[in-house]
Amino acid sequence: VPIVFGANGTVKFRERKTMFFVPELSVFSDK
């Protein structure tokens, strides 16, 4: 986002990476 198409065939954008914690795939070990 945002995606902007240029007249010369180029594409400009920014990549947004959002992280979500997944507790069911996490292991809280106390070894």
PDB file of all heavy atoms in Angstrom:
ATOM      1  N   VAL A   1       0.845  -1.199   0.000  1.00  0.00           N
ATOM      2  CA  VAL A   1       0.000   0.000   0.000  1.00  0.00           C
ATOM      3  C   VAL A   1       0.872   1.236   0.000  1.00  0.00           C
ATOM      4  O   VAL A   1       1.941   1.204   0.582  1.00  0.00           O
ATOM      5  CB  VAL A   1      -0.941   0.051   1.229  1.00  0.00           C
ATOM      6  CG1 VAL A   1      -2.031  -0.968   1.141  1.00  0.00           C
ATOM      7  CG2 VAL A   1      -0.156  -0.088   2.512  1.00  0.00           C
ATOM      8  N   PRO A   2       0.484   2.335  -0.513  1.00  0.00           N
ATOM      9  CA  PRO A   2      -0.445   2.432  -1.639  1.00  0.00           C
ATOM     10  C   PRO A   2       0.250   1.969  -2.909  1.00  0.00           C
ATOM     11  O   PRO A   2       1.463   2.081  -3.036  1.00  0.00           O
ATOM     12  CB  PRO A   2      -0.749   3.922  -1.698  1.00  0.00           C
ATOM     13  CG  PRO A   2       0.487   4.583  -1.181  1.00  0.00           C
ATOM     14  CD  PRO A   2       1.048   3.630  -0.150  1.00  0.00           C
ATOM     15  N   ILE A   3      -0.507   1.462  -3.833  1.00  0.00           N
ATOM     16  CA  ILE A   3       0.041   1.007  -5.112  1.00  0.00           C
ATOM     17  C   ILE A   3      -0.252   2.076  -6.156  1.00  0.00           C
ATOM     18  O   ILE A   3      -1.402   2.460  -6.348  1.00  0.00           O
ATOM     19  CB  ILE A   3      -0.582  -0.341  -5.538  1.00  0.00           C
ATOM     20  CG1 ILE A   3      -0.262  -1.401  -4.472  1.00  0.00           C
ATOM     21  CG2 ILE A   3      -0.076  -0.766  -6.902  1.00  0.00           C
ATOM     22  CD1 ILE A   3      -1.006  -2.702  -4.654  1.00  0.00           C
ATOM     23  N   VAL A   4       0.817   2.553  -6.778  1.00  0.00           N
ATOM     24  CA  VAL A   4       0.678   3.610  -7.792  1.00  0.00           C
ATOM     25  C   VAL A   4       1.320   3.115  -9.080  1.00  0.00           C
ATOM     26  O   VAL A   4       2.502   2.783  -9.110  1.00  0.00           O
ATOM     27  CB  VAL A   4       1.361   4.919  -7.328  1.00  0.00           C
ATOM     28  CG1 VAL A   4       1.228   5.994  -8.390  1.00  0.00           C
ATOM     29  CG2 VAL A   4       0.795   5.384  -5.996  1.00  0.00           C
ATOM     30  N   PHE A   5       0.529   3.051 -10.141  1.00  0.00           N
ATOM     31  CA  PHE A   5       1.035   2.645 -11.453  1.00  0.00           C
ATOM     32  C   PHE A   5       1.515   3.878 -12.202  1.00  0.00           C
ATOM     33  O   PHE A   5       0.785   4.855 -12.334  1.00  0.00           O
ATOM     34  CB  PHE A   5      -0.064   1.937 -12.262  1.00  0.00           C
ATOM     35  CG  PHE A   5      -0.432   0.593 -11.695  1.00  0.00           C
ATOM     36  CD1 PHE A   5      -1.499   0.470 -10.819  1.00  0.00           C
ATOM     37  CD2 PHE A   5       0.293  -0.538 -12.023  1.00  0.00           C
ATOM     38  CE1 PHE A   5      -1.839  -0.765 -10.277  1.00  0.00           C
ATOM     39  CE2 PHE A   5      -0.029  -1.770 -11.479  1.00  0.00           C
ATOM     40  CZ  PHE A   5      -1.100  -1.891 -10.611  1.00  0.00           C
ATOM     41  N   GLY A   6       2.765   3.825 -12.686  1.00  0.00           N
ATOM     42  CA  GLY A   6       3.331   4.938 -13.434  1.00  0.00           C
ATOM     43  C   GLY A   6       3.002   4.828 -14.912  1.00  0.00           C
ATOM     44  O   GLY A   6       2.705   3.744 -15.426  1.00  0.00           O
ATOM     45  N   ALA A   7       3.086   5.940 -15.600  1.00  0.00           N
ATOM     46  CA  ALA A   7       2.777   5.987 -17.038  1.00  0.00           C
ATOM     47  C   ALA A   7       3.795   5.192 -17.860  1.00  0.00           C
ATOM     48  O   ALA A   7       3.482   4.714 -18.949  1.00  0.00           O
ATOM     49  CB  ALA A   7       2.749   7.439 -17.511  1.00  0.00           C
ATOM     50  N   ASN A   8       5.002   5.008 -17.324  1.00  0.00           N
ATOM     51  CA  ASN A   8       6.047   4.307 -18.068  1.00  0.00           C
ATOM     52  C   ASN A   8       6.103   2.807 -17.743  1.00  0.00           C
ATOM     53  O   ASN A   8       7.089   2.154 -18.014  1.00  0.00           O
ATOM     54  CB  ASN A   8       7.403   4.961 -17.789  1.00  0.00           C
ATOM     55  CG  ASN A   8       7.773   4.910 -16.324  1.00  0.00           C
ATOM     56  OD1 ASN A   8       6.959   4.558 -15.470  1.00  0.00           O
ATOM     57  ND2 ASN A   8       9.000   5.279 -16.021  1.00  0.00           N
ATOM     58  N   GLY A   9       5.046   2.262 -17.124  1.00  0.00           N
ATOM     59  CA  GLY A   9       4.985   0.835 -16.839  1.00  0.00           C
ATOM     60  C   GLY A   9       5.582   0.447 -15.491  1.00  0.00           C
ATOM     61  O   GLY A   9       5.731  -0.734 -15.201  1.00  0.00           O
ATOM     62  N   THR A  10       5.915   1.426 -14.663  1.00  0.00           N
ATOM     63  CA  THR A  10       6.475   1.123 -13.340  1.00  0.00           C
ATOM     64  C   THR A  10       5.367   1.042 -12.285  1.00  0.00           C
ATOM     65  O   THR A  10       4.247   1.506 -12.507  1.00  0.00           O
ATOM     66  CB  THR A  10       7.481   2.205 -12.911  1.00  0.00           C
ATOM     67  OG1 THR A  10       6.811   3.458 -12.871  1.00  0.00           O
ATOM     68  CG2 THR A  10       8.650   2.269 -13.875  1.00  0.00           C
ATOM     69  N   VAL A  11       5.713   0.438 -11.163  1.00  0.00           N
ATOM     70  CA  VAL A  11       4.780   0.335 -10.040  1.00  0.00           C
ATOM     71  C   VAL A  11       5.519   0.772  -8.791  1.00  0.00           C
ATOM     72  O   VAL A  11       6.617   0.298  -8.511  1.00  0.00           O
ATOM     73  CB  VAL A  11       4.279  -1.121  -9.848  1.00  0.00           C
ATOM     74  CG1 VAL A  11       3.311  -1.203  -8.684  1.00  0.00           C
ATOM     75  CG2 VAL A  11       3.642  -1.645 -11.115  1.00  0.00           C
ATOM     76  N   LYS A  12       4.920   1.681  -8.035  1.00  0.00           N
ATOM     77  CA  LYS A  12       5.494   2.123  -6.770  1.00  0.00           C
ATOM     78  C   LYS A  12       4.575   1.655  -5.654  1.00  0.00           C
ATOM     79  O   LYS A  12       3.351   1.718  -5.780  1.00  0.00           O
ATOM     80  CB  LYS A  12       5.604   3.644  -6.718  1.00  0.00           C
ATOM     81  CG  LYS A  12       6.654   4.227  -7.613  1.00  0.00           C
ATOM     82  CD  LYS A  12       6.713   5.720  -7.409  1.00  0.00           C
ATOM     83  CE  LYS A  12       7.686   6.356  -8.369  1.00  0.00           C
ATOM     84  NZ  LYS A  12       7.748   7.830  -8.173  1.00  0.00           N
ATOM     85  N   PHE A  13       5.175   1.198  -4.560  1.00  0.00           N
ATOM     86  CA  PHE A  13       4.390   0.752  -3.406  1.00  0.00           C
ATOM     87  C   PHE A  13       5.285   0.690  -2.189  1.00  0.00           C
ATOM     88  O   PHE A  13       6.502   0.731  -2.290  1.00  0.00           O
ATOM     89  CB  PHE A  13       3.768  -0.624  -3.660  1.00  0.00           C
ATOM     90  CG  PHE A  13       4.787  -1.708  -3.856  1.00  0.00           C
ATOM     91  CD1 PHE A  13       5.274  -2.435  -2.779  1.00  0.00           C
ATOM     92  CD2 PHE A  13       5.278  -1.999  -5.123  1.00  0.00           C
ATOM     93  CE1 PHE A  13       6.226  -3.421  -2.961  1.00  0.00           C
ATOM     94  CE2 PHE A  13       6.222  -2.978  -5.308  1.00  0.00           C
ATOM     95  CZ  PHE A  13       6.694  -3.697  -4.223  1.00  0.00           C
ATOM     96  N   ARG A  14       4.662   0.588  -1.040  1.00  0.00           N
ATOM     97  CA  ARG A  14       5.362   0.294   0.215  1.00  0.00           C
ATOM     98  C   ARG A  14       4.788  -1.007   0.726  1.00  0.00           C
ATOM     99  O   ARG A  14       3.588  -1.235   0.637  1.00  0.00           O
ATOM    100  CB  ARG A  14       5.137   1.401   1.226  1.00  0.00           C
ATOM    101  CG  ARG A  14       5.774   2.706   0.747  1.00  0.00           C
ATOM    102  CD  ARG A  14       5.938   3.631   1.856  1.00  0.00           C
ATOM    103  NE  ARG A  14       6.967   3.084   2.744  1.00  0.00           N
ATOM    104  CZ  ARG A  14       7.817   3.847   3.406  1.00  0.00           C
ATOM    105  NH1 ARG A  14       7.772   5.130   3.290  1.00  0.00           N
ATOM    106  NH2 ARG A  14       8.700   3.308   4.218  1.00  0.00           N
ATOM    107  N   GLU A  15       5.648  -1.858   1.261  1.00  0.00           N
ATOM    108  CA  GLU A  15       5.177  -3.137   1.775  1.00  0.00           C
ATOM    109  C   GLU A  15       5.013  -3.043   3.290  1.00  0.00           C
ATOM    110  O   GLU A  15       5.942  -2.681   3.999  1.00  0.00           O
ATOM    111  CB  GLU A  15       6.158  -4.250   1.414  1.00  0.00           C
ATOM    112  CG  GLU A  15       5.610  -5.623   1.680  1.00  0.00           C
ATOM    113  CD  GLU A  15       6.323  -6.666   0.855  1.00  0.00           C
ATOM    114  OE1 GLU A  15       7.557  -6.723   0.916  1.00  0.00           O
ATOM    115  OE2 GLU A  15       5.638  -7.413   0.146  1.00  0.00           O
ATOM    116  N   ARG A  16       3.818  -3.341   3.749  1.00  0.00           N
ATOM    117  CA  ARG A  16       3.511  -3.317   5.177  1.00  0.00           C
ATOM    118  C   ARG A  16       3.470  -4.754   5.692  1.00  0.00           C
ATOM    119  O   ARG A  16       2.727  -5.580   5.168  1.00  0.00           O
ATOM    120  CB  ARG A  16       2.168  -2.637   5.416  1.00  0.00           C
ATOM    121  CG  ARG A  16       1.781  -2.623   6.885  1.00  0.00           C
ATOM    122  CD  ARG A  16       0.471  -1.940   7.104  1.00  0.00           C
ATOM    123  NE  ARG A  16       0.648  -0.524   6.782  1.00  0.00           N
ATOM    124  CZ  ARG A  16      -0.349   0.272   6.481  1.00  0.00           C
ATOM    125  NH1 ARG A  16      -1.573  -0.176   6.431  1.00  0.00           N
ATOM    126  NH2 ARG A  16      -0.129   1.544   6.214  1.00  0.00           N
ATOM    127  N   LYS A  17       4.259  -5.012   6.726  1.00  0.00           N
ATOM    128  CA  LYS A  17       4.280  -6.341   7.342  1.00  0.00           C
ATOM    129  C   LYS A  17       3.701  -6.218   8.745  1.00  0.00           C
ATOM    130  O   LYS A  17       4.215  -5.470   9.572  1.00  0.00           O
ATOM    131  CB  LYS A  17       5.700  -6.893   7.407  1.00  0.00           C
ATOM    132  CG  LYS A  17       6.294  -7.116   6.030  1.00  0.00           C
ATOM    133  CD  LYS A  17       7.722  -7.599   6.114  1.00  0.00           C
ATOM    134  CE  LYS A  17       8.306  -7.734   4.721  1.00  0.00           C
ATOM    135  NZ  LYS A  17       9.702  -8.127   4.756  1.00  0.00           N
ATOM    136  N   THR A  18       2.627  -6.961   8.983  1.00  0.00           N
ATOM    137  CA  THR A  18       1.959  -6.950  10.274  1.00  0.00           C
ATOM    138  C   THR A  18       2.119  -8.317  10.913  1.00  0.00           C
ATOM    139  O   THR A  18       1.931  -9.334  10.248  1.00  0.00           O
ATOM    140  CB  THR A  18       0.456  -6.621  10.091  1.00  0.00           C
ATOM    141  OG1 THR A  18       0.336  -5.451   9.285  1.00  0.00           O
ATOM    142  CG2 THR A  18      -0.219  -6.385  11.418  1.00  0.00           C
ATOM    143  N   MET A  19       2.455  -8.333  12.199  1.00  0.00           N
ATOM    144  CA  MET A  19       2.682  -9.599  12.904  1.00  0.00           C
ATOM    145  C   MET A  19       1.551  -9.842  13.898  1.00  0.00           C
ATOM    146  O   MET A  19       1.116  -8.917  14.582  1.00  0.00           O
ATOM    147  CB  MET A  19       4.009  -9.536  13.658  1.00  0.00           C
ATOM    148  CG  MET A  19       5.197  -9.153  12.797  1.00  0.00           C
ATOM    149  SD  MET A  19       5.811 -10.502  11.830  1.00  0.00           S
ATOM    150  CE  MET A  19       6.814 -11.314  13.014  1.00  0.00           C
ATOM    151  N   PHE A  20       1.101 -11.110  13.977  1.00  0.00           N
ATOM    152  CA  PHE A  20       0.051 -11.528  14.899  1.00  0.00           C
ATOM    153  C   PHE A  20       0.572 -12.704  15.718  1.00  0.00           C
ATOM    154  O   PHE A  20       1.012 -13.709  15.151  1.00  0.00           O
ATOM    155  CB  PHE A  20      -1.208 -11.965  14.136  1.00  0.00           C
ATOM    156  CG  PHE A  20      -1.766 -10.904  13.241  1.00  0.00           C
ATOM    157  CD1 PHE A  20      -1.404 -10.863  11.898  1.00  0.00           C
ATOM    158  CD2 PHE A  20      -2.626  -9.949  13.724  1.00  0.00           C
ATOM    159  CE1 PHE A  20      -1.900  -9.892  11.057  1.00  0.00           C
ATOM    160  CE2 PHE A  20      -3.137  -8.965  12.894  1.00  0.00           C
ATOM    161  CZ  PHE A  20      -2.781  -8.926  11.553  1.00  0.00           C
ATOM    162  N   PHE A  21       0.515 -12.589  17.027  1.00  0.00           N
ATOM    163  CA  PHE A  21       0.975 -13.661  17.906  1.00  0.00           C
ATOM    164  C   PHE A  21       0.048 -14.862  17.787  1.00  0.00           C
ATOM    165  O   PHE A  21      -1.169 -14.726  17.771  1.00  0.00           O
ATOM    166  CB  PHE A  21       1.016 -13.178  19.358  1.00  0.00           C
ATOM    167  CG  PHE A  21       1.503 -14.215  20.318  1.00  0.00           C
ATOM    168  CD1 PHE A  21       2.786 -14.726  20.220  1.00  0.00           C
ATOM    169  CD2 PHE A  21       0.680 -14.689  21.317  1.00  0.00           C
ATOM    170  CE1 PHE A  21       3.245 -15.686  21.107  1.00  0.00           C
ATOM    171  CE2 PHE A  21       1.120 -15.649  22.214  1.00  0.00           C
ATOM    172  CZ  PHE A  21       2.407 -16.141  22.104  1.00  0.00           C
ATOM    173  N   VAL A  22       0.617 -16.075  17.680  1.00  0.00           N
ATOM    174  CA  VAL A  22      -0.154 -17.311  17.549  1.00  0.00           C
ATOM    175  C   VAL A  22       0.146 -18.188  18.771  1.00  0.00           C
ATOM    176  O   VAL A  22       1.094 -18.977  18.771  1.00  0.00           O
ATOM    177  CB  VAL A  22       0.198 -18.060  16.240  1.00  0.00           C
ATOM    178  CG1 VAL A  22      -0.687 -19.284  16.069  1.00  0.00           C
ATOM    179  CG2 VAL A  22       0.120 -17.147  15.038  1.00  0.00           C
ATOM    180  N   PRO A  23      -0.668 -18.070  19.828  1.00  0.00           N
ATOM    181  CA  PRO A  23      -0.363 -18.813  21.053  1.00  0.00           C
ATOM    182  C   PRO A  23      -0.424 -20.331  20.893  1.00  0.00           C
ATOM    183  O   PRO A  23       0.351 -21.052  21.526  1.00  0.00           O
ATOM    184  CB  PRO A  23      -1.413 -18.321  22.054  1.00  0.00           C
ATOM    185  CG  PRO A  23      -2.430 -17.604  21.277  1.00  0.00           C
ATOM    186  CD  PRO A  23      -1.815 -17.215  19.968  1.00  0.00           C
ATOM    187  N   GLU A  24      -1.316 -20.833  20.038  1.00  0.00           N
ATOM    188  CA  GLU A  24      -1.431 -22.290  19.881  1.00  0.00           C
ATOM    189  C   GLU A  24      -0.211 -22.914  19.203  1.00  0.00           C
ATOM    190  O   GLU A  24      -0.014 -24.117  19.275  1.00  0.00           O
ATOM    191  CB  GLU A  24      -2.717 -22.692  19.169  1.00  0.00           C
ATOM    192  CG  GLU A  24      -2.876 -22.131  17.770  1.00  0.00           C
ATOM    193  CD  GLU A  24      -3.531 -20.760  17.721  1.00  0.00           C
ATOM    194  OE1 GLU A  24      -3.703 -20.117  18.757  1.00  0.00           O
ATOM    195  OE2 GLU A  24      -3.847 -20.325  16.599  1.00  0.00           O
ATOM    196  N   LEU A  25       0.627 -22.124  18.537  1.00  0.00           N
ATOM    197  CA  LEU A  25       1.861 -22.618  17.924  1.00  0.00           C
ATOM    198  C   LEU A  25       3.093 -22.228  18.719  1.00  0.00           C
ATOM    199  O   LEU A  25       4.223 -22.459  18.291  1.00  0.00           O
ATOM    200  CB  LEU A  25       1.987 -22.125  16.485  1.00  0.00           C
ATOM    201  CG  LEU A  25       0.929 -22.607  15.499  1.00  0.00           C
ATOM    202  CD1 LEU A  25       1.160 -22.000  14.122  1.00  0.00           C
ATOM    203  CD2 LEU A  25       0.933 -24.124  15.407  1.00  0.00           C
ATOM    204  N   SER A  26       2.877 -21.600  19.861  1.00  0.00           N
ATOM    205  CA  SER A  26       3.976 -21.159  20.720  1.00  0.00           C
ATOM    206  C   SER A  26       4.099 -22.101  21.890  1.00  0.00           C
ATOM    207  O   SER A  26       3.117 -22.651  22.385  1.00  0.00           O
ATOM    208  CB  SER A  26       3.716 -19.740  21.207  1.00  0.00           C
ATOM    209  OG  SER A  26       3.636 -18.849  20.112  1.00  0.00           O
ATOM    210  N   VAL A  27       5.339 -22.283  22.335  1.00  0.00           N
ATOM    211  CA  VAL A  27       5.603 -23.166  23.469  1.00  0.00           C
ATOM    212  C   VAL A  27       6.305 -22.324  24.530  1.00  0.00           C
ATOM    213  O   VAL A  27       7.365 -21.764  24.279  1.00  0.00           O
ATOM    214  CB  VAL A  27       6.497 -24.353  23.063  1.00  0.00           C
ATOM    215  CG1 VAL A  27       6.848 -25.187  24.274  1.00  0.00           C
ATOM    216  CG2 VAL A  27       5.814 -25.180  22.002  1.00  0.00           C
ATOM    217  N   PHE A  28       5.709 -22.234  25.676  1.00  0.00           N
ATOM    218  CA  PHE A  28       6.315 -21.501  26.776  1.00  0.00           C
ATOM    219  C   PHE A  28       7.004 -22.528  27.671  1.00  0.00           C
ATOM    220  O   PHE A  28       6.409 -23.104  28.556  1.00  0.00           O
ATOM    221  CB  PHE A  28       5.253 -20.729  27.560  1.00  0.00           C
ATOM    222  CG  PHE A  28       4.501 -19.763  26.715  1.00  0.00           C
ATOM    223  CD1 PHE A  28       3.273 -20.087  26.185  1.00  0.00           C
ATOM    224  CD2 PHE A  28       5.051 -18.532  26.428  1.00  0.00           C
ATOM    225  CE1 PHE A  28       2.593 -19.202  25.393  1.00  0.00           C
ATOM    226  CE2 PHE A  28       4.360 -17.632  25.636  1.00  0.00           C
ATOM    227  CZ  PHE A  28       3.135 -17.962  25.112  1.00  0.00           C
ATOM    228  N   SER A  29       8.262 -22.777  27.370  1.00  0.00           N
ATOM    229  CA  SER A  29       8.973 -23.818  28.113  1.00  0.00           C
ATOM    230  C   SER A  29       9.749 -23.205  29.269  1.00  0.00           C
ATOM    231  O   SER A  29      10.214 -22.085  29.211  1.00  0.00           O
ATOM    232  CB  SER A  29       9.915 -24.569  27.173  1.00  0.00           C
ATOM    233  OG  SER A  29      10.852 -23.681  26.624  1.00  0.00           O
ATOM    234  N   ASP A  30       9.862 -23.953  30.306  1.00  0.00           N
ATOM    235  CA  ASP A  30      10.641 -23.554  31.477  1.00  0.00           C
ATOM    236  C   ASP A  30      11.565 -24.713  31.814  1.00  0.00           C
ATOM    237  O   ASP A  30      11.444 -25.344  32.844  1.00  0.00           O
ATOM    238  CB  ASP A  30       9.708 -23.221  32.626  1.00  0.00           C
ATOM    239  CG  ASP A  30      10.430 -22.480  33.740  1.00  0.00           C
ATOM    240  OD1 ASP A  30      11.530 -21.964  33.498  1.00  0.00           O
ATOM    241  OD2 ASP A  30       9.878 -22.414  34.850  1.00  0.00           O
ATOM    242  N   LYS A  31      12.469 -25.001  30.888  1.00  0.00           N
ATOM    243  CA  LYS A  31      13.357 -26.168  31.029  1.00  0.00           C
ATOM    244  C   LYS A  31      14.487 -25.888  32.002  1.00  0.00           C
ATOM    245  O   LYS A  31      14.958 -24.833  32.134  1.00  0.00           O
ATOM    246  CB  LYS A  31      13.943 -26.550  29.670  1.00  0.00           C
ATOM    247  CG  LYS A  31      12.885 -26.971  28.701  1.00  0.00           C
ATOM    248  CD  LYS A  31      13.488 -27.253  27.339  1.00  0.00           C
ATOM    249  CE  LYS A  31      12.396 -27.564  26.343  1.00  0.00           C
ATOM    250  NZ  LYS A  31      12.872 -27.713  24.998  1.00  0.00           N
TER     251      LYS A  31
END
